[in-house]
Amino acid sequence: MPGAVPFTSTVALTNATLPYAMQLAQKGWRKACKENAELRLGLNVINGKVVYKGVADAFGLPMHSADILLDK
């Protein structure tokens, strides 16, 4: 039984992430992140500007709006 766990966990991870990978591949990262709030939440930096609060706080950097930077 333990031998089945790596396989089934890989299948589960692929099933969960493949739709996001397909969106990124078909639309490009910028358009995919503009259209999908879940992908947008995964952004940390856009064009050298921090868009994730945790990263901004950790490094003492200003935080910018991902929505505004994605429209540029």
PDB file of N, CA and C in Angstrom:
ATOM      1  N   MET A   1       0.790  -1.204   0.000  1.00  0.00           N
ATOM      2  CA  MET A   1       0.000   0.000   0.000  1.00  0.00           C
ATOM      3  C   MET A   1       0.836   1.275   0.000  1.00  0.00           C
ATOM      4  N   PRO A   2       1.931   1.373   0.778  1.00  0.00           N
ATOM      5  CA  PRO A   2       2.672   2.633   0.784  1.00  0.00           C
ATOM      6  C   PRO A   2       3.179   3.053  -0.600  1.00  0.00           C
ATOM      7  N   GLY A   3       3.435   2.092  -1.470  1.00  0.00           N
ATOM      8  CA  GLY A   3       3.901   2.427  -2.814  1.00  0.00           C
ATOM      9  C   GLY A   3       2.878   3.185  -3.642  1.00  0.00           C
ATOM     10  N   ALA A   4       1.605   3.090  -3.285  1.00  0.00           N
ATOM     11  CA  ALA A   4       0.555   3.772  -4.038  1.00  0.00           C
ATOM     12  C   ALA A   4       0.441   5.242  -3.658  1.00  0.00           C
ATOM     13  N   VAL A   5       0.911   5.611  -2.475  1.00  0.00           N
ATOM     14  CA  VAL A   5       0.738   6.994  -2.006  1.00  0.00           C
ATOM     15  C   VAL A   5       1.447   8.012  -2.886  1.00  0.00           C
ATOM     16  N   PRO A   6       2.736   7.793  -3.254  1.00  0.00           N
ATOM     17  CA  PRO A   6       3.373   8.796  -4.120  1.00  0.00           C
ATOM     18  C   PRO A   6       2.636   8.993  -5.437  1.00  0.00           C
ATOM     19  N   PHE A   7       2.141   7.908  -6.010  1.00  0.00           N
ATOM     20  CA  PHE A   7       1.422   8.016  -7.274  1.00  0.00           C
ATOM     21  C   PHE A   7       0.117   8.789  -7.105  1.00  0.00           C
ATOM     22  N   THR A   8      -0.667   8.416  -6.106  1.00  0.00           N
ATOM     23  CA  THR A   8      -1.964   9.073  -5.935  1.00  0.00           C
ATOM     24  C   THR A   8      -1.808  10.527  -5.516  1.00  0.00           C
ATOM     25  N   SER A   9      -0.775  10.849  -4.744  1.00  0.00           N
ATOM     26  CA  SER A   9      -0.577  12.248  -4.368  1.00  0.00           C
ATOM     27  C   SER A   9      -0.137  13.068  -5.581  1.00  0.00           C
ATOM     28  N   THR A  10       0.642  12.464  -6.466  1.00  0.00           N
ATOM     29  CA  THR A  10       1.051  13.146  -7.698  1.00  0.00           C
ATOM     30  C   THR A  10      -0.159  13.409  -8.585  1.00  0.00           C
ATOM     31  N   VAL A  11      -1.024  12.434  -8.704  1.00  0.00           N
ATOM     32  CA  VAL A  11      -2.242  12.600  -9.502  1.00  0.00           C
ATOM     33  C   VAL A  11      -3.108  13.705  -8.906  1.00  0.00           C
ATOM     34  N   ALA A  12      -3.263  13.713  -7.596  1.00  0.00           N
ATOM     35  CA  ALA A  12      -4.077  14.745  -6.940  1.00  0.00           C
ATOM     36  C   ALA A  12      -3.473  16.130  -7.153  1.00  0.00           C
ATOM     37  N   LEU A  13      -2.165  16.264  -7.013  1.00  0.00           N
ATOM     38  CA  LEU A  13      -1.512  17.558  -7.215  1.00  0.00           C
ATOM     39  C   LEU A  13      -1.659  18.020  -8.659  1.00  0.00           C
ATOM     40  N   THR A  14      -1.490  17.109  -9.595  1.00  0.00           N
ATOM     41  CA  THR A  14      -1.649  17.452 -11.011  1.00  0.00           C
ATOM     42  C   THR A  14      -3.074  17.892 -11.308  1.00  0.00           C
ATOM     43  N   ASN A  15      -4.044  17.182 -10.773  1.00  0.00           N
ATOM     44  CA  ASN A  15      -5.447  17.554 -10.994  1.00  0.00           C
ATOM     45  C   ASN A  15      -5.758  18.936 -10.427  1.00  0.00           C
ATOM     46  N   ALA A  16      -5.126  19.296  -9.324  1.00  0.00           N
ATOM     47  CA  ALA A  16      -5.382  20.587  -8.695  1.00  0.00           C
ATOM     48  C   ALA A  16      -4.681  21.738  -9.407  1.00  0.00           C
ATOM     49  N   THR A  17      -3.500  21.483  -9.982  1.00  0.00           N
ATOM     50  CA  THR A  17      -2.712  22.582 -10.548  1.00  0.00           C
ATOM     51  C   THR A  17      -2.782  22.712 -12.062  1.00  0.00           C
ATOM     52  N   LEU A  18      -3.130  21.646 -12.752  1.00  0.00           N
ATOM     53  CA  LEU A  18      -3.137  21.685 -14.223  1.00  0.00           C
ATOM     54  C   LEU A  18      -4.030  22.780 -14.801  1.00  0.00           C
ATOM     55  N   PRO A  19      -5.227  23.015 -14.271  1.00  0.00           N
ATOM     56  CA  PRO A  19      -6.043  24.092 -14.842  1.00  0.00           C
ATOM     57  C   PRO A  19      -5.353  25.467 -14.788  1.00  0.00           C
ATOM     58  N   TYR A  20      -4.599  25.710 -13.732  1.00  0.00           N
ATOM     59  CA  TYR A  20      -3.873  26.982 -13.624  1.00  0.00           C
ATOM     60  C   TYR A  20      -2.733  27.039 -14.636  1.00  0.00           C
ATOM     61  N   ALA A  21      -2.018  25.940 -14.761  1.00  0.00           N
ATOM     62  CA  ALA A  21      -0.917  25.885 -15.728  1.00  0.00           C
ATOM     63  C   ALA A  21      -1.439  26.080 -17.150  1.00  0.00           C
ATOM     64  N   MET A  22      -2.590  25.511 -17.440  1.00  0.00           N
ATOM     65  CA  MET A  22      -3.180  25.663 -18.778  1.00  0.00           C
ATOM     66  C   MET A  22      -3.555  27.120 -19.049  1.00  0.00           C
ATOM     67  N   GLN A  23      -4.124  27.789 -18.052  1.00  0.00           N
ATOM     68  CA  GLN A  23      -4.469  29.205 -18.219  1.00  0.00           C
ATOM     69  C   GLN A  23      -3.218  30.037 -18.480  1.00  0.00           C
ATOM     70  N   LEU A  24      -2.169  29.780 -17.712  1.00  0.00           N
ATOM     71  CA  LEU A  24      -0.922  30.521 -17.891  1.00  0.00           C
ATOM     72  C   LEU A  24      -0.329  30.272 -19.274  1.00  0.00           C
ATOM     73  N   ALA A  25      -0.367  29.027 -19.720  1.00  0.00           N
ATOM     74  CA  ALA A  25       0.190  28.683 -21.034  1.00  0.00           C
ATOM     75  C   ALA A  25      -0.624  29.269 -22.174  1.00  0.00           C
ATOM     76  N   GLN A  26      -1.939  29.259 -22.052  1.00  0.00           N
ATOM     77  CA  GLN A  26      -2.792  29.720 -23.138  1.00  0.00           C
ATOM     78  C   GLN A  26      -2.908  31.238 -23.213  1.00  0.00           C
ATOM     79  N   LYS A  27      -2.882  31.904 -22.060  1.00  0.00           N
ATOM     80  CA  LYS A  27      -3.133  33.345 -22.031  1.00  0.00           C
ATOM     81  C   LYS A  27      -1.905  34.186 -21.738  1.00  0.00           C
ATOM     82  N   GLY A  28      -0.857  33.574 -21.241  1.00  0.00           N
ATOM     83  CA  GLY A  28       0.284  34.332 -20.746  1.00  0.00           C
ATOM     84  C   GLY A  28       0.004  34.743 -19.303  1.00  0.00           C
ATOM     85  N   TRP A  29       1.065  34.981 -18.532  1.00  0.00           N
ATOM     86  CA  TRP A  29       0.879  35.223 -17.100  1.00  0.00           C
ATOM     87  C   TRP A  29       0.067  36.474 -16.808  1.00  0.00           C
ATOM     88  N   ARG A  30       0.292  37.545 -17.573  1.00  0.00           N
ATOM     89  CA  ARG A  30      -0.372  38.812 -17.267  1.00  0.00           C
ATOM     90  C   ARG A  30      -1.890  38.716 -17.462  1.00  0.00           C
ATOM     91  N   LYS A  31      -2.319  38.223 -18.616  1.00  0.00           N
ATOM     92  CA  LYS A  31      -3.758  38.118 -18.888  1.00  0.00           C
ATOM     93  C   LYS A  31      -4.411  37.094 -17.955  1.00  0.00           C
ATOM     94  N   ALA A  32      -3.748  35.972 -17.733  1.00  0.00           N
ATOM     95  CA  ALA A  32      -4.299  34.945 -16.850  1.00  0.00           C
ATOM     96  C   ALA A  32      -4.491  35.493 -15.435  1.00  0.00           C
ATOM     97  N   CYS A  33      -3.532  36.259 -14.945  1.00  0.00           N
ATOM     98  CA  CYS A  33      -3.640  36.825 -13.593  1.00  0.00           C
ATOM     99  C   CYS A  33      -4.675  37.944 -13.527  1.00  0.00           C
ATOM    100  N   LYS A  34      -4.873  38.670 -14.611  1.00  0.00           N
ATOM    101  CA  LYS A  34      -5.926  39.688 -14.628  1.00  0.00           C
ATOM    102  C   LYS A  34      -7.302  39.049 -14.555  1.00  0.00           C
ATOM    103  N   GLU A  35      -7.463  37.910 -15.212  1.00  0.00           N
ATOM    104  CA  GLU A  35      -8.765  37.265 -15.302  1.00  0.00           C
ATOM    105  C   GLU A  35      -9.062  36.291 -14.164  1.00  0.00           C
ATOM    106  N   ASN A  36      -8.041  35.846 -13.446  1.00  0.00           N
ATOM    107  CA  ASN A  36      -8.234  34.834 -12.414  1.00  0.00           C
ATOM    108  C   ASN A  36      -7.700  35.339 -11.076  1.00  0.00           C
ATOM    109  N   ALA A  37      -8.601  35.610 -10.149  1.00  0.00           N
ATOM    110  CA  ALA A  37      -8.214  36.150  -8.842  1.00  0.00           C
ATOM    111  C   ALA A  37      -7.317  35.188  -8.071  1.00  0.00           C
ATOM    112  N   GLU A  38      -7.505  33.891  -8.246  1.00  0.00           N
ATOM    113  CA  GLU A  38      -6.667  32.919  -7.536  1.00  0.00           C
ATOM    114  C   GLU A  38      -5.225  32.990  -8.011  1.00  0.00           C
ATOM    115  N   LEU A  39      -5.013  33.115  -9.309  1.00  0.00           N
ATOM    116  CA  LEU A  39      -3.654  33.276  -9.823  1.00  0.00           C
ATOM    117  C   LEU A  39      -3.061  34.599  -9.361  1.00  0.00           C
ATOM    118  N   ARG A  40      -3.877  35.646  -9.378  1.00  0.00           N
ATOM    119  CA  ARG A  40      -3.414  36.972  -8.952  1.00  0.00           C
ATOM    120  C   ARG A  40      -2.917  36.941  -7.507  1.00  0.00           C
ATOM    121  N   LEU A  41      -3.576  36.175  -6.655  1.00  0.00           N
ATOM    122  CA  LEU A  41      -3.151  36.070  -5.256  1.00  0.00           C
ATOM    123  C   LEU A  41      -1.780  35.411  -5.112  1.00  0.00           C
ATOM    124  N   GLY A  42      -1.343  34.697  -6.128  1.00  0.00           N
ATOM    125  CA  GLY A  42      -0.037  34.050  -6.085  1.00  0.00           C
ATOM    126  C   GLY A  42       1.113  34.933  -6.519  1.00  0.00           C
ATOM    127  N   LEU A  43       0.818  36.135  -6.963  1.00  0.00           N
ATOM    128  CA  LEU A  43       1.879  37.042  -7.395  1.00  0.00           C
ATOM    129  C   LEU A  43       2.614  37.626  -6.198  1.00  0.00           C
ATOM    130  N   ASN A  44       3.926  37.769  -6.323  1.00  0.00           N
ATOM    131  CA  ASN A  44       4.746  38.400  -5.294  1.00  0.00           C
ATOM    132  C   ASN A  44       5.360  39.704  -5.792  1.00  0.00           C
ATOM    133  N   VAL A  45       5.864  39.693  -7.025  1.00  0.00           N
ATOM    134  CA  VAL A  45       6.559  40.855  -7.589  1.00  0.00           C
ATOM    135  C   VAL A  45       6.153  41.000  -9.049  1.00  0.00           C
ATOM    136  N   ILE A  46       5.882  42.235  -9.454  1.00  0.00           N
ATOM    137  CA  ILE A  46       5.601  42.541 -10.863  1.00  0.00           C
ATOM    138  C   ILE A  46       6.530  43.683 -11.260  1.00  0.00           C
ATOM    139  N   ASN A  47       7.338  43.463 -12.269  1.00  0.00           N
ATOM    140  CA  ASN A  47       8.270  44.484 -12.760  1.00  0.00           C
ATOM    141  C   ASN A  47       9.082  45.117 -11.633  1.00  0.00           C
ATOM    142  N   GLY A  48       9.548  44.297 -10.705  1.00  0.00           N
ATOM    143  CA  GLY A  48      10.382  44.786  -9.614  1.00  0.00           C
ATOM    144  C   GLY A  48       9.631  45.442  -8.470  1.00  0.00           C
ATOM    145  N   LYS A  49       8.307  45.463  -8.529  1.00  0.00           N
ATOM    146  CA  LYS A  49       7.498  46.073  -7.468  1.00  0.00           C
ATOM    147  C   LYS A  49       6.766  44.986  -6.702  1.00  0.00           C
ATOM    148  N   VAL A  50       6.865  45.034  -5.381  1.00  0.00           N
ATOM    149  CA  VAL A  50       6.261  44.011  -4.530  1.00  0.00           C
ATOM    150  C   VAL A  50       4.748  44.212  -4.479  1.00  0.00           C
ATOM    151  N   VAL A  51       4.015  43.121  -4.711  1.00  0.00           N
ATOM    152  CA  VAL A  51       2.552  43.176  -4.704  1.00  0.00           C
ATOM    153  C   VAL A  51       1.947  42.244  -3.657  1.00  0.00           C
ATOM    154  N   TYR A  52       2.788  41.643  -2.821  1.00  0.00           N
ATOM    155  CA  TYR A  52       2.322  40.728  -1.782  1.00  0.00           C
ATOM    156  C   TYR A  52       2.732  41.279  -0.423  1.00  0.00           C
ATOM    157  N   LYS A  53       1.752  41.483   0.447  1.00  0.00           N
ATOM    158  CA  LYS A  53       1.996  42.130   1.735  1.00  0.00           C
ATOM    159  C   LYS A  53       3.056  41.425   2.572  1.00  0.00           C
ATOM    160  N   GLY A  54       3.025  40.112   2.612  1.00  0.00           N
ATOM    161  CA  GLY A  54       3.995  39.367   3.403  1.00  0.00           C
ATOM    162  C   GLY A  54       5.426  39.619   2.961  1.00  0.00           C
ATOM    163  N   VAL A  55       5.641  39.701   1.663  1.00  0.00           N
ATOM    164  CA  VAL A  55       6.980  39.974   1.130  1.00  0.00           C
ATOM    165  C   VAL A  55       7.372  41.419   1.433  1.00  0.00           C
ATOM    166  N   ALA A  56       6.449  42.344   1.227  1.00  0.00           N
ATOM    167  CA  ALA A  56       6.734  43.757   1.514  1.00  0.00           C
ATOM    168  C   ALA A  56       7.098  43.942   2.982  1.00  0.00           C
ATOM    169  N   ASP A  57       6.328  43.330   3.875  1.00  0.00           N
ATOM    170  CA  ASP A  57       6.596  43.442   5.310  1.00  0.00           C
ATOM    171  C   ASP A  57       7.931  42.807   5.687  1.00  0.00           C
ATOM    172  N   ALA A  58       8.212  41.647   5.140  1.00  0.00           N
ATOM    173  CA  ALA A  58       9.433  40.917   5.482  1.00  0.00           C
ATOM    174  C   ALA A  58      10.690  41.684   5.093  1.00  0.00           C
ATOM    175  N   PHE A  59      10.618  42.425   3.993  1.00  0.00           N
ATOM    176  CA  PHE A  59      11.802  43.127   3.507  1.00  0.00           C
ATOM    177  C   PHE A  59      11.728  44.639   3.682  1.00  0.00           C
ATOM    178  N   GLY A  60      10.673  45.116   4.325  1.00  0.00           N
ATOM    179  CA  GLY A  60      10.537  46.546   4.559  1.00  0.00           C
ATOM    180  C   GLY A  60      10.411  47.351   3.276  1.00  0.00           C
ATOM    181  N   LEU A  61       9.718  46.796   2.305  1.00  0.00           N
ATOM    182  CA  LEU A  61       9.548  47.461   1.013  1.00  0.00           C
ATOM    183  C   LEU A  61       8.113  47.946   0.863  1.00  0.00           C
ATOM    184  N   PRO A  62       7.916  48.967   0.029  1.00  0.00           N
ATOM    185  CA  PRO A  62       6.541  49.428  -0.201  1.00  0.00           C
ATOM    186  C   PRO A  62       5.758  48.381  -0.992  1.00  0.00           C
ATOM    187  N   MET A  63       4.474  48.307  -0.702  1.00  0.00           N
ATOM    188  CA  MET A  63       3.609  47.380  -1.422  1.00  0.00           C
ATOM    189  C   MET A  63       2.843  48.143  -2.496  1.00  0.00           C
ATOM    190  N   HIS A  64       2.684  47.525  -3.637  1.00  0.00           N
ATOM    191  CA  HIS A  64       1.970  48.118  -4.759  1.00  0.00           C
ATOM    192  C   HIS A  64       0.746  47.267  -5.089  1.00  0.00           C
ATOM    193  N   SER A  65      -0.189  47.855  -5.793  1.00  0.00           N
ATOM    194  CA  SER A  65      -1.412  47.147  -6.181  1.00  0.00           C
ATOM    195  C   SER A  65      -1.147  46.292  -7.411  1.00  0.00           C
ATOM    196  N   ALA A  66      -1.411  44.997  -7.298  1.00  0.00           N
ATOM    197  CA  ALA A  66      -1.244  44.102  -8.446  1.00  0.00           C
ATOM    198  C   ALA A  66      -2.215  44.480  -9.555  1.00  0.00           C
ATOM    199  N   ASP A  67      -3.437  44.881  -9.188  1.00  0.00           N
ATOM    200  CA  ASP A  67      -4.431  45.246 -10.195  1.00  0.00           C
ATOM    201  C   ASP A  67      -3.939  46.392 -11.069  1.00  0.00           C
ATOM    202  N   ILE A  68      -3.352  47.396 -10.459  1.00  0.00           N
ATOM    203  CA  ILE A  68      -2.864  48.550 -11.215  1.00  0.00           C
ATOM    204  C   ILE A  68      -1.687  48.152 -12.104  1.00  0.00           C
ATOM    205  N   LEU A  69      -0.757  47.373 -11.552  1.00  0.00           N
ATOM    206  CA  LEU A  69       0.417  46.986 -12.334  1.00  0.00           C
ATOM    207  C   LEU A  69       0.062  46.030 -13.473  1.00  0.00           C
ATOM    208  N   LEU A  70      -0.960  45.224 -13.289  1.00  0.00           N
ATOM    209  CA  LEU A  70      -1.369  44.312 -14.367  1.00  0.00           C
ATOM    210  C   LEU A  70      -2.000  45.063 -15.530  1.00  0.00           C
ATOM    211  N   ASP A  71      -2.562  46.235 -15.268  1.00  0.00           N
ATOM    212  CA  ASP A  71      -3.183  47.025 -16.330  1.00  0.00           C
ATOM    213  C   ASP A  71      -2.177  47.797 -17.164  1.00  0.00           C
ATOM    214  N   LYS A  72      -0.950  47.879 -16.730  1.00  0.00           N
ATOM    215  CA  LYS A  72       0.078  48.637 -17.472  1.00  0.00           C
ATOM    216  C   LYS A  72       0.625  47.844 -18.612  1.00  0.00           C
TER     217      LYS A  72
END
